[in-house]
Amino acid sequence: MSIPPPSPEPSETSETSGQSEPAVPPVHALLDLSGKVALITGSGSGMGSGIAARFAEAGASVLAHYHTSSAGAEAVASQIRARGGQSATVAADVTSPGDVARLIAATVEAFGRLDILVNNAGIYPLAGVLEMAVADWEAVVDANLKSVFLCTQAAARQMIEQRVGGAIVNITSIEAENPAPSHSHYNAAKAGVLMYTRAAASELGPHGIRVNAVAPGLIWKDGLEQSWPDGVARYQATAPLGRLGLPADVADACLFLASAAARWITGASLTVDGGVLTHQIY
């Protein structure tokens, strides 16, 4: 199935600057992704599922990627289709260049194009600095940082070939700027994604491709209160807004950054943590 490219926005010439000014979209169209194709990595559970569902609700055709969570990704795609949207699933190892190339090709084959990439896939294990094995370090850096590089590069090449720009949103973490115990590998990887976001935004901007990041705090998932009750209680007590985040909170931040509402925003990081980072540290 082929989806035609969007028509160019009408423009008018500024009498003061002489530059061509794109027409400002009407408010009702700012979060409308109709006609767009979005690839969401790690769509099999949690935030990825929420992002995929929200983008589909905004009108995008969604490619729900997964690595091992096939049932979760298929469930999301089925829900999208049941609501009248378009969605497909593809399995891929996003740390493998060959698999990433196949993932991008599968997206284009399914929907005819690629307009939006959300780099959400990643892992979140615990390991102390003194106990961490080299394999532990490499697995986390590959899953959380190398994957962003590979998917961004492949997606950007496709977007440049299409000649209509695009949007890339990378999921980082508040731990990119605020280290957590037994997470030195994760902290380092997410900090790397933050700087990579800024560097990629600088290089890809001339091609009309915006690159931004969303930095979530603690996000609710099934069983979290039972597996980490003290951590949940401490987060809720510290957060000015008094609760954990929900996948929908992250999804809406991604939707904003991928949409026309953020058309002049690139290289930015949007913190979505209920205000935890406002907490005084001394």
Protein backbone atom coordinates (compact mmCIF):
# COMPACT_ATOMS: atom_id res chain seq x y z
CA MET A 1 0.00 0.00 0.00
CA SER A 2 1.34 3.41 -0.95
CA ILE A 3 0.52 6.61 0.86
CA PRO A 4 1.11 9.77 -1.19
CA PRO A 5 3.46 12.41 0.21
CA PRO A 6 1.84 15.40 1.89
CA SER A 7 1.34 18.51 -0.19
CA PRO A 8 3.83 21.32 0.48
CA GLU A 9 2.62 23.94 2.90
CA PRO A 10 1.60 27.22 1.25
CA SER A 11 3.97 30.08 1.94
CA GLU A 12 4.06 33.83 1.89
CA THR A 13 6.97 36.23 1.71
CA SER A 14 7.81 38.37 4.72
CA GLU A 15 8.07 42.05 3.83
CA THR A 16 10.46 42.64 6.72
CA SER A 17 12.95 39.79 6.36
CA GLY A 18 12.48 38.76 2.75
CA GLN A 19 12.50 35.08 3.73
CA SER A 20 9.78 32.67 2.77
CA GLU A 21 7.58 31.98 5.78
CA PRO A 22 5.68 28.69 6.01
CA ALA A 23 1.99 29.09 6.71
CA VAL A 24 1.15 28.50 10.38
CA PRO A 25 -1.02 25.39 10.76
CA PRO A 26 -4.45 25.95 12.34
CA VAL A 27 -4.74 24.86 15.96
CA HIS A 28 -6.98 21.89 15.17
CA ALA A 29 -4.32 20.47 12.83
CA LEU A 30 -1.30 20.78 15.11
CA LEU A 31 -1.42 17.22 16.48
CA ASP A 32 -2.91 15.66 13.35
CA LEU A 33 -0.62 12.95 11.94
CA SER A 34 -2.99 11.88 9.16
CA GLY A 35 -1.02 10.69 6.15
CA LYS A 36 2.14 10.19 8.22
CA VAL A 37 3.91 6.89 8.84
CA ALA A 38 5.50 6.30 12.24
CA LEU A 39 7.93 3.58 13.28
CA ILE A 40 7.95 2.95 17.04
CA THR A 41 10.72 0.67 18.30
CA GLY A 42 10.01 -1.50 21.33
CA SER A 43 6.24 -1.44 20.86
CA GLY A 44 5.60 -4.77 22.57
CA SER A 45 5.00 -3.36 26.04
CA GLY A 46 5.01 -0.34 28.33
CA MET A 47 5.84 3.05 26.88
CA GLY A 48 6.25 1.71 23.36
CA SER A 49 2.73 0.32 23.30
CA GLY A 50 1.37 3.60 24.61
CA ILE A 51 3.28 5.64 22.04
CA ALA A 52 2.14 3.42 19.17
CA ALA A 53 -1.52 3.64 20.24
CA ARG A 54 -1.39 7.43 20.69
CA PHE A 55 0.23 8.05 17.32
CA ALA A 56 -2.41 5.91 15.65
CA GLU A 57 -5.11 7.89 17.45
CA ALA A 58 -3.56 11.03 15.94
CA GLY A 59 -3.98 9.51 12.47
CA ALA A 60 -0.58 7.98 11.73
CA SER A 61 -0.05 4.58 10.18
CA VAL A 62 2.09 2.74 12.74
CA LEU A 63 4.78 0.11 12.35
CA ALA A 64 5.03 -1.54 15.77
CA HIS A 65 8.52 -2.99 16.13
CA TYR A 66 9.39 -5.66 18.64
CA HIS A 67 12.32 -7.92 19.43
CA THR A 68 10.93 -10.60 21.72
CA SER A 69 7.49 -9.26 22.76
CA SER A 70 5.57 -10.45 19.70
CA ALA A 71 2.27 -10.96 21.53
CA GLY A 72 2.33 -7.43 22.93
CA ALA A 73 3.15 -5.80 19.60
CA GLU A 74 0.50 -7.84 17.79
CA ALA A 75 -2.06 -6.84 20.43
CA VAL A 76 -1.27 -3.15 19.92
CA ALA A 77 -1.46 -3.46 16.13
CA SER A 78 -4.75 -5.37 16.37
CA GLN A 79 -6.25 -2.68 18.61
CA ILE A 80 -5.19 0.03 16.17
CA ARG A 81 -6.74 -1.81 13.25
CA ALA A 82 -9.92 -2.50 15.23
CA ARG A 83 -10.31 1.24 15.71
CA GLY A 84 -9.99 1.88 11.99
CA GLY A 85 -6.27 2.66 11.90
CA GLN A 86 -3.43 1.08 9.97
CA SER A 87 -0.70 -0.90 11.72
CA ALA A 88 1.72 -3.73 11.10
CA THR A 89 4.40 -5.43 13.19
CA VAL A 90 7.99 -6.41 12.42
CA ALA A 91 10.52 -8.27 14.56
CA ALA A 92 14.10 -7.00 14.49
CA ASP A 93 17.23 -6.76 16.60
CA VAL A 94 17.86 -3.01 16.60
CA THR A 95 21.51 -3.54 17.57
CA SER A 96 22.09 -5.28 14.22
CA PRO A 97 22.73 -3.09 11.15
CA GLY A 98 21.22 -5.73 8.88
CA ASP A 99 18.07 -6.06 10.96
CA VAL A 100 17.66 -2.29 11.14
CA ALA A 101 17.94 -1.98 7.35
CA ARG A 102 15.30 -4.67 7.03
CA LEU A 103 13.07 -2.88 9.55
CA ILE A 104 13.16 0.39 7.61
CA ALA A 105 12.54 -1.45 4.34
CA ALA A 106 9.59 -3.31 5.89
CA THR A 107 8.06 -0.03 7.05
CA VAL A 108 8.29 1.45 3.56
CA GLU A 109 6.98 -1.75 2.01
CA ALA A 110 3.98 -1.75 4.35
CA PHE A 111 3.04 1.93 4.14
CA GLY A 112 4.97 3.47 1.27
CA ARG A 113 7.11 5.90 3.27
CA LEU A 114 8.55 6.82 6.69
CA ASP A 115 7.93 10.19 8.35
CA ILE A 116 8.46 9.63 12.07
CA LEU A 117 10.81 7.45 14.12
CA VAL A 118 10.54 7.01 17.87
CA ASN A 119 13.61 5.28 19.31
CA ASN A 120 12.04 3.70 22.37
CA ALA A 121 13.59 0.22 22.50
CA GLY A 122 16.03 -0.42 25.34
CA ILE A 123 16.85 -2.46 28.42
CA TYR A 124 17.11 -1.51 32.10
CA PRO A 125 19.11 -4.06 34.17
CA LEU A 126 20.92 -3.47 37.44
CA ALA A 127 24.66 -3.97 38.00
CA GLY A 128 27.06 -2.26 40.38
CA VAL A 129 30.24 -0.60 39.11
CA LEU A 130 32.48 -3.11 40.88
CA GLU A 131 30.46 -6.19 39.95
CA MET A 132 29.55 -5.31 36.35
CA ALA A 133 30.91 -7.60 33.65
CA VAL A 134 32.07 -6.24 30.31
CA ALA A 135 29.21 -8.15 28.71
CA ASP A 136 26.72 -6.36 30.97
CA TRP A 137 28.11 -2.97 29.92
CA GLU A 138 28.12 -3.82 26.22
CA ALA A 139 24.56 -5.19 26.28
CA VAL A 140 23.14 -2.03 27.84
CA VAL A 141 25.13 0.39 25.68
CA ASP A 142 24.22 -1.54 22.53
CA ALA A 143 20.51 -1.76 23.35
CA ASN A 144 20.12 1.84 24.49
CA LEU A 145 22.69 3.82 22.47
CA LYS A 146 23.93 1.84 19.48
CA SER A 147 20.32 1.08 18.52
CA VAL A 148 19.52 4.80 18.43
CA PHE A 149 22.45 5.47 16.12
CA LEU A 150 21.56 2.63 13.75
CA CYS A 151 17.84 3.40 13.56
CA THR A 152 18.35 7.16 13.27
CA GLN A 153 20.89 6.79 10.47
CA ALA A 154 18.76 4.35 8.48
CA ALA A 155 15.54 6.31 8.99
CA ALA A 156 17.19 9.64 8.12
CA ARG A 157 18.54 8.22 4.87
CA GLN A 158 15.02 7.12 3.94
CA MET A 159 13.55 10.51 4.90
CA ILE A 160 16.18 12.35 2.85
CA GLU A 161 15.39 10.17 -0.15
CA GLN A 162 11.71 11.11 0.21
CA ARG A 163 12.61 14.85 0.21
CA VAL A 164 9.85 15.87 2.63
CA GLY A 165 11.72 15.97 5.96
CA GLY A 166 10.72 14.05 9.06
CA ALA A 167 10.84 13.85 12.83
CA ILE A 168 12.86 11.62 15.15
CA VAL A 169 12.19 11.35 18.88
CA ASN A 170 14.66 9.54 21.15
CA ILE A 171 13.62 8.23 24.55
CA THR A 172 16.32 9.07 27.07
CA SER A 173 15.75 9.24 30.85
CA ILE A 174 16.14 11.61 33.76
CA GLU A 175 19.05 9.31 34.59
CA ALA A 176 20.95 10.86 31.69
CA GLU A 177 21.53 13.81 34.02
CA ASN A 178 20.88 12.33 37.47
CA PRO A 179 22.71 9.04 38.17
CA ALA A 180 21.02 6.15 39.92
CA PRO A 181 22.64 3.30 41.93
CA SER A 182 23.61 0.19 39.96
CA HIS A 183 22.83 1.98 36.70
CA SER A 184 26.17 3.38 35.58
CA HIS A 185 25.90 1.59 32.22
CA TYR A 186 22.32 2.81 31.72
CA ASN A 187 23.16 6.34 32.91
CA ALA A 188 26.07 6.52 30.46
CA ALA A 189 24.06 5.14 27.55
CA LYS A 190 21.15 7.54 28.07
CA ALA A 191 23.52 10.50 28.46
CA GLY A 192 25.05 9.42 25.17
CA VAL A 193 21.62 9.41 23.54
CA LEU A 194 21.02 12.94 24.80
CA MET A 195 24.19 14.27 23.19
CA TYR A 196 23.62 12.20 20.05
CA THR A 197 20.19 13.81 19.78
CA ARG A 198 21.75 17.28 19.74
CA ALA A 199 24.46 16.28 17.25
CA ALA A 200 22.00 14.56 14.91
CA ALA A 201 19.66 17.57 15.09
CA SER A 202 22.51 19.81 13.96
CA GLU A 203 23.44 17.63 11.00
CA LEU A 204 19.96 16.61 9.87
CA GLY A 205 18.24 19.98 10.23
CA PRO A 206 19.26 21.15 6.75
CA HIS A 207 17.39 18.13 5.39
CA GLY A 208 14.20 19.16 7.19
CA ILE A 209 14.57 16.41 9.79
CA ARG A 210 14.00 17.38 13.42
CA VAL A 211 15.58 15.29 16.20
CA ASN A 212 14.45 15.66 19.81
CA ALA A 213 14.42 13.66 23.04
CA VAL A 214 11.94 12.82 25.77
CA ALA A 215 13.38 12.11 29.22
CA PRO A 216 10.90 10.15 31.35
CA GLY A 217 11.01 9.68 35.08
CA LEU A 218 9.58 6.60 36.80
CA ILE A 219 6.77 5.20 34.64
CA TRP A 220 4.10 2.89 36.02
CA LYS A 221 3.86 -0.70 34.83
CA ASP A 222 2.04 -3.77 36.08
CA GLY A 223 3.58 -5.12 39.28
CA LEU A 224 5.88 -2.15 39.94
CA GLU A 225 4.32 -1.33 43.32
CA GLN A 226 4.82 -4.93 44.43
CA SER A 227 8.37 -5.36 43.11
CA TRP A 228 9.70 -1.99 44.30
CA PRO A 229 7.32 -0.56 46.92
CA ASP A 230 9.90 1.65 48.64
CA GLY A 231 11.07 3.16 45.36
CA VAL A 232 7.53 3.92 44.25
CA ALA A 233 6.74 5.51 47.61
CA ARG A 234 9.90 7.65 47.51
CA TYR A 235 9.21 8.81 43.97
CA GLN A 236 5.63 9.76 44.75
CA ALA A 237 6.75 11.63 47.86
CA THR A 238 9.45 13.53 45.94
CA ALA A 239 7.50 14.39 42.77
CA PRO A 240 5.70 17.75 43.10
CA LEU A 241 2.83 16.30 41.05
CA GLY A 242 2.59 13.39 43.50
CA ARG A 243 2.35 10.37 41.22
CA LEU A 244 4.24 8.07 38.89
CA GLY A 245 4.17 8.75 35.17
CA LEU A 246 1.93 6.79 32.82
CA PRO A 247 2.85 5.53 29.34
CA ALA A 248 0.32 8.06 28.00
CA ASP A 249 2.28 10.92 29.61
CA VAL A 250 5.36 9.93 27.63
CA ALA A 251 3.33 9.22 24.50
CA ASP A 252 1.83 12.71 24.52
CA ALA A 253 5.26 14.32 24.84
CA CYS A 254 6.46 12.26 21.87
CA LEU A 255 3.35 13.20 19.91
CA PHE A 256 4.00 16.88 20.53
CA LEU A 257 7.63 16.68 19.40
CA ALA A 258 6.73 14.67 16.29
CA SER A 259 3.90 17.00 15.31
CA ALA A 260 3.54 20.36 13.59
CA ALA A 261 3.12 21.92 17.04
CA ALA A 262 6.91 21.46 17.46
CA ARG A 263 7.81 22.47 13.91
CA TRP A 264 10.58 24.87 15.06
CA ILE A 265 11.96 22.67 17.83
CA THR A 266 14.99 20.46 17.28
CA GLY A 267 17.88 19.32 19.46
CA ALA A 268 15.70 19.71 22.57
CA SER A 269 15.07 17.37 25.49
CA LEU A 270 11.64 17.38 27.15
CA THR A 271 11.64 16.12 30.74
CA VAL A 272 8.52 14.15 31.69
CA ASP A 273 9.00 13.28 35.35
CA GLY A 274 6.26 14.92 37.41
CA GLY A 275 8.80 17.48 38.59
CA VAL A 276 11.23 15.11 40.35
CA LEU A 277 14.30 16.91 38.98
CA THR A 278 13.14 20.11 40.67
CA HIS A 279 13.92 18.48 44.03
CA GLN A 280 16.66 20.26 45.94
CA ILE A 281 19.72 18.02 46.16
CA TYR A 282 21.48 19.65 49.15
